[in-house]
Every structure is written in C-alpha cells, then in structure tokens.
Amino acid sequence: MRDVIILGGGVTGCSIARELSRYRLDILVIEKNSDVCEGTSKANSGIVHAGYDAHPGTLKAKLNVLGNEKMEALAGELDFPFRRNGSLVLCFEESGRETLQRLYDQGIANGVKGLEILEGDTVRALEPEVSEDVVAALHAPTGGIVCPFLLTIAMAENAAVNGVEFQLNTEVTDIRETEGAYEVLTDKGSERAKVVINAAGVHADVFHNRVAGREELKIIPRKGEYLLMDKNVGTLVSHTLFQLPTKLGKGVLVTPTVHGNLLAGPTAVEIPDGENTATTAEGLSDVQKRAALSVKALPTRQVITSFTGVRAHEQKGDFVIGAMEGHPGFFDAAGIESPGLTCAPAIGELLAGQVAEYLKAEKKPDFEPRRKGIPNMALVSYEERQKLIADNPLYGNVICRCELVTEGEIVDAIHRPVGATTLDGVKRRTRAGMGRCQSGFCSPKVVEILARELGVDPAQIRKNNPGSEFLTGYIKDGI
C-alpha cells in the first residue's frame, strides 16, 4: 500500500509531489494524459500575479502573495525561466478610478508590496505603446512572468529524483474508501493508499463528490482563448498589461513572455465540457478586439499560433484546499483557477505540511532541492556551446531552426526523469516547434529521434495523447 496517491500531474499536483518528496513517503502521481502539464497548466497566461485581485481573507489572496514571494528562489533552485517584469492594470475612463482604488486597497490589505496608482502620462512614459485612452493604471512591480510548462516539468523532475513515481496515460475511474485507506481504480488496475490528494483540475469535483457521497463541490469550466505573436514583436511592451477586471476574470491582457514572444488573451466563457480546448473564430476575434484597447497597434499580422485553456472555477469562488471533513486521509486541491499558477509553490507547501502531519512523516536527510534544466543552445555563450558540442556532438546538429534547438537537447529531454515521449513533450521541454513555422520543418525529425531513442516504431509516436499519431503505416505495406 502506498502512503500517498496524487490525482493529477498539473502544476498543483507536481508542486505537492515535490514538497512531499522531502519526507520518507511512498508517493504516486496518477495523470490521465501522456505527460505532466497537459491540461490547464500548459495553456494559460504564464503570469505570476502580484496579489491585488483576490478578496482579503480568502485562500486565493493569502496563497497568491506567498507563491509570488517564493517564485524567484524556486526558479533559482529548479532552473526554470522567471522574470519580475511588473504589471499595469489599465483604466480607460475616469469612472473606473474607483475600481482601480479598490484594487489598490485590496492589494495593500493582502500584503502586496510597492503598489502605486499612476496617471496616464506616467503610464505612457513607462510603456510608449499603451493606448492614449488610458487615464490611470495600478502599477504592481512584484508582478512577473514565468514559463508554465517548464515550471511544472521542473517540479515533476525534482520530485522524481527524490523518489516520487509518475504513472502517466492512466485514467482514474473510481475511488473507494476502505478502513484506514483508499482504493483508487484506474483503467490500468488499482492502487491503495493511506492518503489521496485530489488535484484533478476540472474533474476535481467528480472525485471529491464520489468520496463525499453527495454533491458538495461544483467545478464550472471556463474557456480562455489566446493569440501568440512572433518574437519580432515581443518587445512591444515590457510590463504585463491588464484591463480592469470583470466578474468573469481579469480581462484580456497583453504581455511579453519569458521566451520573447507577445501574448494576448484570454477570453472567459463558461462551458459544459472541461475537455473542450478548441479555438473559435469568435473567441479569437474577441481577444484581438479587446487586446487592441490596451495598445496603440496590436501586431496581429505577427500571430503564429492560437490556443485555448480551460480553468477550473469552483462555484463558491475560492480555492478548496485541505482535508475533507468526515473522510480522514482525503485532501483536496480543487477549484485552482487563476492565480493558481502563482499559488502553486505555496499550495504545495501547505498541503504537504498537512499530509505529513496526518501521516506523522519524517523528513529525509538526503532530499535534493536542486535541479538543472536542459542546456539551451540558443541562449548559452559561444564558449559554452563549443564545450557542449565537444562533449556531445549531437549538440551541434540543429533540428529546429526557428528556435535553434539541437538534437542533443531533444535527446536530453527524452531521457530525463519524467521524460518526453511525444512531440508536445519535446516541444514543451526544448521549444522545438514553438517558432514561427510551428514545427513545419522540424516535426519529422523530432518524430524520428523519439522513435530511435524510445526504441519504438515511428508509427507509434504521437503529438500528445492516443489518437494523435503522425503516421498510419508504410507505403511498402500497401497503404
């Protein structure tokens, strides 16, 4: 019997796994997709929020500020990109000043440092491309940007090095509470554990309610569509530009990414199907129209891709974190919507502490807190490139021209702990296929490398989950 089973390999589940790996525990993460970070965690704004949005006293407010404060040190430990670029909440009408002041007051109450309200001319001095209609803005210098998938992958890798097991491509079908334990049934068999942690994103209410025996939680999926623009316009703005929020979210933003692109989005539409990640002409048009309010000229001709993320909004509006009353050993991390990415390090620490106390677990003396990422040939110095190539000639073979990704980086991504097995897995770890041509050039080469390194037929290589195979067979076989 396991000590802990974590349902879900998104940023929340991987953060909890990493923090629990500090203890002498047998831990299993079960993820239904082919990789960690396949759901909401990969398809979001990549924003490290300052913490002025949430109402004081809520878990969102407390964990946002704590997560923000932890992010810089965590990026140093786990070697993922993070930048504290600051954010601006734009106010376009004099009537909006009251809302702006309310956000400022909330931020101060939540403990956000450095907040200030700036006049329109001062905002334009900071950001020359900001709309002339801006009359004021809330400036939050502690706001930042992060790579959401490299953050998640880094925590998963570090957890794995410290003993956590990851079971991917495995769907949980039922949970049964037994005396002193839980039986988790999957399409691959069953596992028993003293503790189950429910970090299942848009499906977290299903597992909570199954254990509770009644409907206590209700997750409402919220769909958000985005436009990603090329790196040649990535410096249009330096801060993350928000608009005054509505009841459905923080509005459409315009932001640089840590990789040098420009991002606009998201929409916020409630949908019945939490798996619906299709983009729509209507949604992308809405992003374009609303984002154009923030800047003088949104460079939409430079859009290289679009995508959709689905957020897990719990109907009561706050995170649901901690032990379920009346069901010892079942812990929730449910309703983790924005600012969930920012909060993830704090959520992991909070829940790991609760579970360790429940199990009376001892800390490991040999916990390894550090992790080194894959060398990035596009960013390292000339001297570092030469050394890498001398040590391993595969680092001299460029596979993705747009992002300057080499065969050495791709092979490293495949063979790391919780390594890549799909084209998207390689893409998120190395950026092969994330450039202007969107893998038009490099995808056949990446498929070939994956098949070779995994020792499988190329026809078995997928973009992501089953059903997304690239090849159907061989011409010589009559296909």
Protein backbone atom coordinates (compact mmCIF):
# COMPACT_ATOMS: atom_id res chain seq x y z
CA MET A 1 0.00 0.00 0.00
CA ARG A 2 1.22 3.49 -0.90
CA ASP A 3 1.45 6.32 1.56
CA VAL A 4 0.13 8.95 -0.87
CA ILE A 5 -1.57 9.00 -4.27
CA ILE A 6 -1.88 12.37 -6.02
CA LEU A 7 -4.58 12.66 -8.68
CA GLY A 8 -3.34 14.99 -11.40
CA GLY A 9 0.05 15.94 -12.85
CA GLY A 10 -0.55 19.63 -13.43
CA VAL A 11 1.33 22.42 -11.74
CA THR A 12 -0.59 21.94 -8.47
CA GLY A 13 -0.12 18.17 -8.34
CA CYS A 14 3.57 18.41 -9.24
CA SER A 15 4.17 21.12 -6.63
CA ILE A 16 2.54 18.96 -3.95
CA ALA A 17 4.57 15.95 -5.11
CA ARG A 18 7.80 17.90 -4.95
CA GLU A 19 7.11 19.21 -1.45
CA LEU A 20 6.01 15.77 -0.18
CA SER A 21 9.20 14.23 -1.60
CA ARG A 22 11.01 15.95 1.26
CA TYR A 23 9.54 13.22 3.51
CA ARG A 24 10.07 9.46 3.86
CA LEU A 25 6.93 8.53 1.94
CA ASP A 26 5.90 6.24 -0.92
CA ILE A 27 4.22 8.67 -3.35
CA LEU A 28 2.49 8.04 -6.69
CA VAL A 29 1.19 10.69 -9.10
CA ILE A 30 -1.52 9.44 -11.48
CA GLU A 31 -2.11 11.50 -14.63
CA LYS A 32 -4.57 10.56 -17.36
CA ASN A 33 -2.63 12.34 -20.11
CA SER A 34 0.62 11.32 -21.81
CA ASP A 35 2.69 13.86 -19.90
CA VAL A 36 2.62 16.17 -16.93
CA CYS A 37 1.36 19.68 -17.74
CA GLU A 38 -1.08 18.56 -20.44
CA GLY A 39 -4.13 20.44 -19.13
CA THR A 40 -4.74 23.92 -17.75
CA SER A 41 -1.14 24.21 -16.60
CA LYS A 42 0.20 24.35 -20.16
CA ALA A 43 -2.46 26.68 -21.59
CA ASN A 44 -2.51 29.84 -19.51
CA SER A 45 -1.02 33.32 -19.42
CA GLY A 46 2.21 32.37 -17.62
CA ILE A 47 1.66 35.28 -15.23
CA VAL A 48 3.00 35.48 -11.68
CA HIS A 49 0.28 37.68 -10.20
CA ALA A 50 1.14 40.31 -7.60
CA GLY A 51 -1.90 39.54 -5.42
CA TYR A 52 -4.25 42.53 -5.52
CA ASP A 53 -7.20 40.77 -7.24
CA ALA A 54 -8.41 38.38 -4.56
CA HIS A 55 -10.58 39.49 -1.65
CA PRO A 56 -8.64 39.78 1.63
CA GLY A 57 -9.03 36.74 3.85
CA THR A 58 -9.51 34.24 1.03
CA LEU A 59 -7.13 31.39 0.27
CA LYS A 60 -6.53 32.95 -3.13
CA ALA A 61 -5.32 36.18 -1.52
CA LYS A 62 -3.07 34.50 1.04
CA LEU A 63 -1.52 31.92 -1.28
CA ASN A 64 -1.08 34.37 -4.17
CA VAL A 65 1.22 36.64 -2.19
CA LEU A 66 3.09 33.68 -0.67
CA GLY A 67 3.50 31.99 -4.07
CA ASN A 68 4.73 35.21 -5.64
CA GLU A 69 7.33 35.61 -2.92
CA LYS A 70 8.56 32.02 -3.38
CA MET A 71 8.84 32.07 -7.18
CA GLU A 72 12.23 33.72 -7.57
CA ALA A 73 14.03 31.40 -5.15
CA LEU A 74 12.24 28.39 -6.67
CA ALA A 75 13.36 29.41 -10.17
CA GLY A 76 16.93 29.51 -8.88
CA GLU A 77 16.66 26.06 -7.28
CA LEU A 78 14.92 24.35 -10.18
CA ASP A 79 16.38 26.29 -13.12
CA PHE A 80 13.30 27.50 -14.98
CA PRO A 81 12.80 30.95 -16.57
CA PHE A 82 11.13 33.63 -14.46
CA ARG A 83 11.21 37.43 -14.75
CA ARG A 84 9.75 40.06 -12.45
CA ASN A 85 8.65 42.47 -15.17
CA GLY A 86 5.86 44.19 -13.21
CA SER A 87 2.24 44.65 -14.22
CA LEU A 88 -0.13 47.52 -15.01
CA VAL A 89 -3.92 47.44 -14.64
CA LEU A 90 -5.19 49.94 -17.20
CA CYS A 91 -8.12 52.25 -16.53
CA PHE A 92 -9.67 53.79 -19.67
CA GLU A 93 -12.34 56.05 -18.15
CA GLU A 94 -12.49 58.41 -15.20
CA SER A 95 -15.41 56.39 -13.85
CA GLY A 96 -13.07 53.43 -13.42
CA ARG A 97 -10.84 55.13 -10.88
CA GLU A 98 -12.99 53.87 -8.02
CA THR A 99 -12.42 50.26 -9.11
CA LEU A 100 -8.72 50.96 -9.51
CA GLN A 101 -8.58 52.32 -5.97
CA ARG A 102 -10.43 49.25 -4.70
CA LEU A 103 -7.80 47.00 -6.28
CA TYR A 104 -5.07 49.09 -4.68
CA ASP A 105 -6.73 48.85 -1.26
CA GLN A 106 -7.18 45.07 -1.65
CA GLY A 107 -3.55 44.70 -2.60
CA ILE A 108 -2.38 46.65 0.45
CA ALA A 109 -4.65 44.54 2.68
CA ASN A 110 -3.24 41.36 1.11
CA GLY A 111 0.35 42.47 1.74
CA VAL A 112 1.38 43.29 -1.85
CA LYS A 113 4.49 45.48 -1.87
CA GLY A 114 5.20 48.53 -3.98
CA LEU A 115 1.69 49.20 -5.33
CA GLU A 116 1.02 52.66 -6.74
CA ILE A 117 -1.59 54.35 -8.91
CA LEU A 118 -0.06 56.14 -11.90
CA GLU A 119 -1.57 58.82 -14.13
CA GLY A 120 -1.97 58.19 -17.85
CA ASP A 121 1.07 60.21 -18.98
CA THR A 122 3.29 58.38 -16.50
CA VAL A 123 1.97 55.05 -17.77
CA ARG A 124 2.79 56.04 -21.37
CA ALA A 125 6.28 57.10 -20.30
CA LEU A 126 6.77 53.57 -18.94
CA GLU A 127 5.05 51.92 -21.92
CA PRO A 128 5.10 54.13 -25.04
CA GLU A 129 2.78 51.79 -26.98
CA VAL A 130 -0.03 51.99 -24.42
CA SER A 131 -3.32 53.44 -25.69
CA GLU A 132 -3.88 57.19 -25.49
CA ASP A 133 -7.23 56.38 -23.84
CA VAL A 134 -5.55 55.23 -20.62
CA VAL A 135 -6.28 57.74 -17.86
CA ALA A 136 -4.62 55.87 -14.96
CA ALA A 137 -3.20 52.50 -14.02
CA LEU A 138 -2.35 50.40 -10.98
CA HIS A 139 1.35 49.55 -11.05
CA ALA A 140 2.44 46.33 -9.31
CA PRO A 141 6.24 45.97 -9.54
CA THR A 142 6.16 42.49 -7.94
CA GLY A 143 4.19 41.02 -10.85
CA GLY A 144 6.12 38.63 -13.08
CA ILE A 145 6.13 36.18 -15.96
CA VAL A 146 7.14 32.53 -15.96
CA CYS A 147 7.18 29.55 -18.32
CA PRO A 148 4.23 27.50 -17.01
CA PHE A 149 5.27 24.18 -18.52
CA LEU A 150 8.95 24.44 -17.58
CA LEU A 151 7.88 25.32 -14.02
CA THR A 152 5.64 22.22 -13.88
CA ILE A 153 8.20 19.93 -15.54
CA ALA A 154 10.97 21.17 -13.24
CA MET A 155 8.93 20.32 -10.14
CA ALA A 156 7.99 16.91 -11.59
CA GLU A 157 11.61 16.08 -12.41
CA ASN A 158 12.80 17.14 -8.96
CA ALA A 159 10.03 15.12 -7.31
CA ALA A 160 11.01 12.06 -9.38
CA VAL A 161 14.69 12.40 -8.45
CA ASN A 162 13.55 12.44 -4.82
CA GLY A 163 11.59 9.21 -5.19
CA VAL A 164 8.11 10.12 -6.46
CA GLU A 165 6.67 7.73 -9.07
CA PHE A 166 4.67 9.10 -12.01
CA GLN A 167 2.07 6.91 -13.75
CA LEU A 168 1.02 8.61 -16.99
CA ASN A 169 -1.63 7.63 -19.56
CA THR A 170 -3.72 6.35 -16.66
CA GLU A 171 -7.32 7.42 -16.08
CA VAL A 172 -8.88 7.16 -12.63
CA THR A 173 -12.32 5.55 -12.91
CA ASP A 174 -13.37 5.31 -9.26
CA ILE A 175 -12.28 5.85 -5.65
CA ARG A 176 -13.42 3.62 -2.80
CA GLU A 177 -12.94 4.47 0.84
CA THR A 178 -11.90 1.46 2.92
CA GLU A 179 -10.94 1.22 6.56
CA GLY A 180 -7.82 3.34 7.02
CA ALA A 181 -7.15 3.66 3.29
CA TYR A 182 -8.48 4.47 -0.18
CA GLU A 183 -8.59 2.26 -3.25
CA VAL A 184 -8.02 4.16 -6.48
CA LEU A 185 -9.32 2.27 -9.52
CA THR A 186 -7.87 3.09 -12.93
CA ASP A 187 -8.02 1.77 -16.48
CA LYS A 188 -4.65 0.13 -15.73
CA GLY A 189 -5.63 -1.58 -12.46
CA SER A 190 -5.94 -0.35 -8.88
CA GLU A 191 -3.74 1.15 -6.17
CA ARG A 192 -4.31 1.58 -2.43
CA ALA A 193 -3.03 4.45 -0.30
CA LYS A 194 -3.39 5.89 3.16
CA VAL A 195 -3.83 9.37 1.64
CA VAL A 196 -5.36 10.60 -1.61
CA ILE A 197 -4.75 14.17 -2.76
CA ASN A 198 -7.29 15.43 -5.28
CA ALA A 199 -5.54 17.80 -7.70
CA ALA A 200 -7.56 16.79 -10.74
CA GLY A 201 -8.29 20.24 -12.17
CA VAL A 202 -11.62 20.50 -13.99
CA HIS A 203 -12.52 17.00 -12.74
CA ALA A 204 -11.69 17.57 -9.06
CA ASP A 205 -15.36 17.88 -8.13
CA VAL A 206 -16.07 14.40 -9.55
CA PHE A 207 -13.60 12.72 -7.20
CA HIS A 208 -14.50 14.86 -4.18
CA ASN A 209 -18.20 14.18 -4.59
CA ARG A 210 -17.63 10.47 -5.14
CA VAL A 211 -15.87 10.19 -1.79
CA ALA A 212 -18.35 12.52 -0.07
CA GLY A 213 -21.31 10.56 -1.39
CA ARG A 214 -23.11 13.76 -2.39
CA GLU A 215 -22.55 16.89 -4.45
CA GLU A 216 -20.50 19.26 -2.30
CA LEU A 217 -18.28 20.79 -4.97
CA LYS A 218 -19.17 22.04 -8.41
CA ILE A 219 -16.46 22.95 -10.90
CA ILE A 220 -17.55 25.24 -13.73
CA PRO A 221 -15.09 25.03 -16.64
CA ARG A 222 -14.15 28.43 -18.07
CA LYS A 223 -12.65 28.52 -21.52
CA GLY A 224 -9.97 31.09 -22.37
CA GLU A 225 -8.58 31.64 -25.88
CA TYR A 226 -5.21 33.22 -26.66
CA LEU A 227 -3.18 34.65 -29.53
CA LEU A 228 0.61 34.18 -29.53
CA MET A 229 2.73 36.52 -31.62
CA ASP A 230 6.23 36.15 -33.02
CA LYS A 231 9.39 37.17 -31.19
CA ASN A 232 9.97 40.08 -33.56
CA VAL A 233 7.16 41.93 -31.71
CA GLY A 234 7.94 40.55 -28.26
CA THR A 235 9.27 43.89 -27.03
CA LEU A 236 6.12 45.87 -27.90
CA VAL A 237 5.50 46.12 -24.14
CA SER A 238 7.71 45.28 -21.20
CA HIS A 239 5.10 45.09 -18.43
CA THR A 240 2.09 42.78 -18.30
CA LEU A 241 -0.88 44.96 -19.28
CA PHE A 242 -4.19 44.05 -17.65
CA GLN A 243 -7.55 45.79 -18.01
CA LEU A 244 -9.92 46.48 -15.14
CA PRO A 245 -11.38 43.08 -14.19
CA THR A 246 -14.94 41.82 -14.58
CA LYS A 247 -16.85 39.13 -12.67
CA LEU A 248 -15.54 36.51 -15.14
CA GLY A 249 -11.85 37.31 -14.74
CA LYS A 250 -9.04 39.78 -15.11
CA GLY A 251 -9.89 40.75 -18.67
CA VAL A 252 -7.79 40.40 -21.78
CA LEU A 253 -4.09 41.04 -21.18
CA VAL A 254 -1.14 41.86 -23.40
CA THR A 255 2.20 40.62 -22.11
CA PRO A 256 5.68 39.62 -23.13
CA THR A 257 6.58 36.02 -22.41
CA VAL A 258 9.81 34.81 -20.81
CA HIS A 259 10.75 33.35 -24.20
CA GLY A 260 10.43 36.68 -26.02
CA ASN A 261 7.01 36.35 -27.68
CA LEU A 262 3.97 38.60 -27.24
CA LEU A 263 0.78 37.05 -25.82
CA ALA A 264 -2.80 38.35 -25.84
CA GLY A 265 -5.82 36.82 -24.10
CA PRO A 266 -7.78 35.17 -22.63
CA THR A 267 -11.49 35.18 -23.17
CA ALA A 268 -13.65 33.85 -20.32
CA VAL A 269 -16.58 31.69 -21.41
CA GLU A 270 -18.30 29.13 -19.19
CA ILE A 271 -18.65 25.79 -20.99
CA PRO A 272 -20.17 22.41 -20.07
CA ASP A 273 -17.23 20.31 -21.32
CA GLY A 274 -13.97 20.71 -19.42
CA GLU A 275 -12.09 18.96 -22.26
CA ASN A 276 -13.17 21.43 -24.95
CA THR A 277 -9.94 23.18 -25.93
CA ALA A 278 -10.92 24.09 -29.48
CA THR A 279 -10.31 27.67 -30.55
CA THR A 280 -13.12 29.58 -32.26
CA ALA A 281 -13.19 32.40 -34.79
CA GLU A 282 -15.50 34.33 -32.47
CA GLY A 283 -13.24 33.90 -29.44
CA LEU A 284 -10.02 34.85 -31.22
CA SER A 285 -11.72 37.85 -32.80
CA ASP A 286 -12.84 38.92 -29.32
CA VAL A 287 -9.26 38.62 -28.00
CA GLN A 288 -7.96 40.70 -30.88
CA LYS A 289 -10.60 43.41 -30.45
CA ARG A 290 -10.27 43.69 -26.66
CA ALA A 291 -6.46 43.49 -26.56
CA ALA A 292 -6.31 46.32 -29.08
CA LEU A 293 -7.85 48.59 -26.44
CA SER A 294 -4.65 48.37 -24.39
CA VAL A 295 -2.06 49.23 -27.04
CA LYS A 296 -1.99 51.60 -29.99
CA ALA A 297 -1.48 48.94 -32.65
CA LEU A 298 -1.71 45.25 -31.81
CA PRO A 299 0.54 43.43 -34.35
CA THR A 300 -1.95 40.71 -35.26
CA ARG A 301 -0.20 40.01 -38.58
CA GLN A 302 2.55 38.51 -36.44
CA VAL A 303 0.28 35.87 -34.83
CA ILE A 304 2.00 32.47 -35.16
CA THR A 305 -0.49 30.32 -33.24
CA SER A 306 -3.59 30.35 -31.06
CA PHE A 307 -4.63 28.08 -28.23
CA THR A 308 -7.25 27.51 -25.55
CA GLY A 309 -7.02 26.75 -21.85
CA VAL A 310 -9.83 25.66 -19.54
CA ARG A 311 -9.89 26.97 -15.96
CA ALA A 312 -11.45 25.09 -13.04
CA HIS A 313 -13.75 27.63 -11.37
CA GLU A 314 -15.42 26.36 -8.20
CA GLN A 315 -18.88 27.88 -7.85
CA LYS A 316 -18.16 29.39 -4.42
CA GLY A 317 -15.25 31.33 -5.92
CA ASP A 318 -12.30 30.34 -3.72
CA PHE A 319 -9.80 27.51 -3.68
CA VAL A 320 -10.82 24.34 -1.84
CA ILE A 321 -7.69 23.10 -0.08
CA GLY A 322 -7.21 20.68 2.80
CA ALA A 323 -8.69 17.60 4.48
CA MET A 324 -12.27 16.65 3.68
CA GLU A 325 -14.40 16.61 6.80
CA GLY A 326 -15.52 13.13 7.79
CA HIS A 327 -13.14 11.35 5.40
CA PRO A 328 -9.69 11.09 7.01
CA GLY A 329 -6.85 10.90 4.54
CA PHE A 330 -8.65 12.58 1.63
CA PHE A 331 -7.26 16.03 0.81
CA ASP A 332 -8.47 18.49 -1.81
CA ALA A 333 -6.62 20.94 -4.02
CA ALA A 334 -9.71 21.87 -6.02
CA GLY A 335 -11.01 24.95 -7.83
CA ILE A 336 -7.45 26.02 -8.61
CA GLU A 337 -8.06 28.70 -11.22
CA SER A 338 -6.17 31.98 -11.62
CA PRO A 339 -3.96 32.84 -9.75
CA GLY A 340 -3.33 29.10 -9.34
CA LEU A 341 -0.05 29.06 -11.26
CA THR A 342 1.34 31.75 -8.95
CA CYS A 343 -0.03 29.99 -5.88
CA ALA A 344 1.31 26.54 -6.79
CA PRO A 345 4.52 26.67 -4.70
CA ALA A 346 2.53 27.84 -1.66
CA ILE A 347 -0.24 25.27 -2.22
CA GLY A 348 2.37 22.52 -2.43
CA GLU A 349 3.98 23.59 0.82
CA LEU A 350 0.64 23.97 2.62
CA LEU A 351 -0.79 20.59 1.61
CA ALA A 352 2.49 18.73 2.05
CA GLY A 353 2.67 20.02 5.60
CA GLN A 354 -0.89 18.91 6.32
CA VAL A 355 -0.36 15.44 4.85
CA ALA A 356 3.00 14.96 6.58
CA GLU A 357 1.39 15.86 9.89
CA TYR A 358 -1.50 13.45 9.25
CA LEU A 359 0.90 10.60 8.41
CA LYS A 360 3.45 11.63 11.06
CA ALA A 361 6.08 11.51 8.33
CA GLU A 362 9.76 12.19 8.92
CA LYS A 363 11.84 14.45 6.71
CA LYS A 364 14.58 12.93 4.56
CA PRO A 365 18.13 13.95 5.39
CA ASP A 366 19.15 13.49 1.74
CA PHE A 367 16.42 15.48 -0.04
CA GLU A 368 17.88 17.06 -3.20
CA PRO A 369 16.32 20.53 -3.66
CA ARG A 370 18.14 21.49 -6.85
CA ARG A 371 17.58 20.55 -10.47
CA LYS A 372 19.47 21.62 -13.58
CA GLY A 373 17.50 22.22 -16.77
CA ILE A 374 18.33 21.20 -20.32
CA PRO A 375 21.13 23.33 -21.84
CA ASN A 376 19.62 25.94 -24.15
CA MET A 377 21.87 26.34 -27.18
CA ALA A 378 20.01 29.47 -28.27
CA LEU A 379 20.96 31.25 -25.04
CA VAL A 380 24.32 29.90 -23.87
CA SER A 381 27.60 31.66 -24.65
CA TYR A 382 29.84 30.73 -27.57
CA GLU A 383 32.29 29.08 -25.19
CA GLU A 384 29.53 27.01 -23.55
CA ARG A 385 28.27 25.93 -26.99
CA GLN A 386 31.72 24.74 -28.01
CA LYS A 387 32.12 22.75 -24.80
CA LEU A 388 28.71 21.12 -25.15
CA ILE A 389 29.44 20.12 -28.74
CA ALA A 390 32.88 18.80 -27.81
CA ASP A 391 31.35 16.67 -25.04
CA ASN A 392 28.41 15.53 -27.19
CA PRO A 393 28.40 16.23 -30.98
CA LEU A 394 24.58 15.93 -31.04
CA TYR A 395 24.53 19.48 -29.61
CA GLY A 396 25.96 20.65 -32.92
CA ASN A 397 23.10 19.24 -35.02
CA VAL A 398 20.32 21.85 -35.30
CA ILE A 399 16.86 20.28 -35.58
CA CYS A 400 14.56 23.29 -35.03
CA ARG A 401 15.82 26.31 -36.94
CA CYS A 402 13.24 28.80 -35.65
CA GLU A 403 14.21 28.29 -32.00
CA LEU A 404 17.74 26.92 -32.55
CA VAL A 405 17.10 23.59 -30.83
CA THR A 406 19.64 20.82 -31.32
CA GLU A 407 19.45 17.04 -31.34
CA GLY A 408 21.38 16.96 -28.06
CA GLU A 409 18.66 18.98 -26.31
CA ILE A 410 15.92 16.73 -27.67
CA VAL A 411 17.71 13.53 -26.62
CA ASP A 412 18.24 15.05 -23.16
CA ALA A 413 14.51 15.86 -22.93
CA ILE A 414 13.60 12.25 -23.75
CA HIS A 415 15.91 10.65 -21.21
CA ARG A 416 15.36 12.93 -18.23
CA PRO A 417 13.23 11.89 -15.23
CA VAL A 418 9.57 12.00 -16.37
CA GLY A 419 10.98 12.41 -19.88
CA ALA A 420 9.25 13.33 -23.13
CA THR A 421 7.56 10.56 -25.12
CA THR A 422 5.55 12.74 -27.53
CA LEU A 423 6.14 15.63 -29.91
CA ASP A 424 4.41 18.04 -27.50
CA GLY A 425 6.53 16.68 -24.66
CA VAL A 426 9.69 17.55 -26.58
CA LYS A 427 8.19 20.89 -27.60
CA ARG A 428 7.46 21.99 -24.04
CA ARG A 429 10.89 20.95 -22.76
CA THR A 430 13.05 22.32 -25.58
CA ARG A 431 10.84 24.71 -27.65
CA ALA A 432 11.39 22.61 -30.79
CA GLY A 433 8.34 23.52 -32.88
CA MET A 434 7.40 26.68 -30.99
CA GLY A 435 8.82 29.11 -33.52
CA ARG A 436 7.32 30.90 -36.48
CA CYS A 437 6.88 27.78 -38.64
CA GLN A 438 5.17 25.92 -35.76
CA SER A 439 7.07 22.66 -36.32
CA GLY A 440 6.51 22.60 -40.10
CA PHE A 441 10.22 21.95 -40.61
CA CYS A 442 11.33 20.02 -37.53
CA SER A 443 8.42 17.69 -36.67
CA PRO A 444 9.51 14.78 -38.95
CA LYS A 445 12.99 14.95 -37.48
CA VAL A 446 11.66 15.01 -33.91
CA VAL A 447 9.41 12.00 -34.65
CA GLU A 448 12.47 10.14 -35.95
CA ILE A 449 14.55 10.99 -32.86
CA LEU A 450 11.74 10.00 -30.48
CA ALA A 451 11.27 6.64 -32.21
CA ARG A 452 15.01 5.96 -32.16
CA GLU A 453 15.56 6.92 -28.53
CA LEU A 454 12.43 5.18 -27.23
CA GLY A 455 13.08 2.06 -29.33
CA VAL A 456 9.63 2.06 -30.97
CA ASP A 457 8.21 2.15 -34.46
CA PRO A 458 7.77 5.75 -35.76
CA ALA A 459 4.07 4.96 -36.32
CA GLN A 460 3.70 4.80 -32.52
CA ILE A 461 4.91 8.37 -31.98
CA ARG A 462 2.10 10.80 -31.16
CA LYS A 463 1.63 14.53 -30.94
CA ASN A 464 0.21 14.04 -27.42
CA ASN A 465 -2.49 11.59 -26.32
CA PRO A 466 -3.64 8.34 -28.01
CA GLY A 467 -5.26 9.06 -31.36
CA SER A 468 -2.77 11.79 -32.31
CA GLU A 469 -0.28 9.53 -34.12
CA PHE A 470 1.51 11.14 -37.09
CA LEU A 471 1.87 8.07 -39.27
CA THR A 472 -0.70 5.44 -40.26
CA GLY A 473 1.63 2.92 -41.90
CA TYR A 474 4.17 2.33 -44.63
CA ILE A 475 3.68 2.73 -48.38
CA LYS A 476 5.63 -0.50 -49.00
CA ASP A 477 2.97 -2.31 -46.97
CA GLY A 478 0.28 -1.20 -49.38
CA ILE A 479 -1.01 1.87 -47.53
